[in-house]
C-alpha cells in the first residue's frame, strides 16, 4: 500500500499537487546528496512562491477596495 493513500483525502489533493510540481525539478534534486530533502525544499519554495503571489493579489484588491470605499464616503457627504 502506498503511504499517500493513508493521507486524509482533503490534504491528499494538495500533497499530490506539490509532488507533481516538484517533479518538474527532478534532475535538480536527483543531483543532491539527499534527493528527498531537496524535493521537500523545492515543494517549500513552490508554496512560498504561491503565498507571495496571493499576498500581492490581496494587496491589490485591498487597494481597490480602499479607493471604492473613499468614493462611497464622498457620495454619502454629497447626499447630506
Protein backbone atom coordinates (compact mmCIF):
# COMPACT_ATOMS: atom_id res chain seq x y z
CA UNK A 1 0.00 0.00 0.00
CA UNK A 2 1.26 3.46 -0.90
CA UNK A 3 1.79 5.75 2.11
CA UNK A 4 -0.01 8.56 0.29
CA UNK A 5 -3.25 6.58 0.38
CA UNK A 6 -3.27 6.91 4.18
CA UNK A 7 -3.41 10.72 3.97
CA UNK A 8 -6.74 12.46 4.58
CA UNK A 9 -8.37 13.00 1.15
CA UNK A 10 -8.74 16.73 1.81
CA UNK A 11 -4.99 17.07 2.28
CA UNK A 12 -4.03 14.43 -0.27
CA UNK A 13 -5.02 16.55 -3.26
CA UNK A 14 -2.66 19.30 -2.04
CA UNK A 15 0.09 16.76 -1.41
CA UNK A 16 -0.28 15.35 -4.91
CA UNK A 17 -0.13 18.86 -6.37
CA UNK A 18 3.10 19.62 -4.53
CA UNK A 19 4.63 16.31 -5.58
CA UNK A 20 3.60 16.98 -9.17
CA UNK A 21 5.02 20.49 -9.11
CA UNK A 22 8.32 19.36 -7.60
CA UNK A 23 8.75 16.56 -10.17
CA UNK A 24 9.44 19.29 -12.72
CA UNK A 25 12.79 19.75 -10.94
CA UNK A 26 13.65 16.04 -10.72
CA UNK A 27 17.00 16.49 -12.45
CA UNK A 28 17.99 19.11 -9.89
CA UNK A 29 17.01 17.20 -6.75
CA UNK A 30 18.34 13.87 -8.01
CA UNK A 31 21.74 15.54 -8.20
CA UNK A 32 21.58 16.48 -4.50
CA UNK A 33 23.30 14.46 -1.78
CA UNK A 34 19.84 13.94 -0.21
CA UNK A 35 17.25 13.95 -3.04
CA UNK A 36 14.25 13.54 -0.70
CA UNK A 37 15.29 16.54 1.34
CA UNK A 38 15.94 18.58 -1.81
CA UNK A 39 12.49 17.68 -3.13
CA UNK A 40 10.95 18.92 0.13
CA UNK A 41 12.81 22.22 -0.20
CA UNK A 42 11.55 22.58 -3.77
CA UNK A 43 7.97 21.95 -2.60
CA UNK A 44 8.51 24.50 0.17
CA UNK A 45 9.80 27.05 -2.35
CA UNK A 46 6.74 26.43 -4.55
CA UNK A 47 4.46 27.06 -1.58
CA UNK A 48 6.38 30.23 -0.74
CA UNK A 49 6.00 31.45 -4.31
CA UNK A 50 2.26 30.72 -4.22
CA UNK A 51 1.90 32.58 -0.92
CA UNK A 52 3.84 35.57 -2.25
CA UNK A 53 1.63 35.77 -5.36
CA UNK A 54 -1.54 35.52 -3.24
CA UNK A 55 -0.25 38.29 -0.97
CA UNK A 56 0.35 40.55 -3.97
CA UNK A 57 -3.15 39.90 -5.27
CA UNK A 58 -4.67 40.56 -1.86
CA UNK A 59 -2.81 43.86 -1.50
CA UNK A 60 -4.00 44.87 -4.96
CA UNK A 61 -7.62 44.04 -4.09
CA UNK A 62 -7.34 45.87 -0.77
CA UNK A 63 -6.11 48.94 -2.64
CA UNK A 64 -9.07 48.78 -5.00
CA UNK A 65 -11.49 48.38 -2.08
CA UNK A 66 -9.96 51.38 -0.26
CA UNK A 67 -10.42 53.52 -3.36
CA UNK A 68 -14.01 52.31 -3.69
CA UNK A 69 -14.67 52.97 -0.01
CA UNK A 70 -13.35 56.50 -0.37
CA UNK A 71 -15.69 57.18 -3.27
CA UNK A 72 -18.57 55.77 -1.23
CA UNK A 73 -17.81 58.21 1.63
CA UNK A 74 -17.75 61.14 -0.81
CA UNK A 75 -21.18 60.13 -2.16
CA UNK A 76 -22.56 59.99 1.39
CA UNK A 77 -21.32 63.51 2.11
CA UNK A 78 -22.78 64.83 -1.13
CA UNK A 79 -26.21 63.36 -0.33
CA UNK A 80 -26.27 65.09 3.07
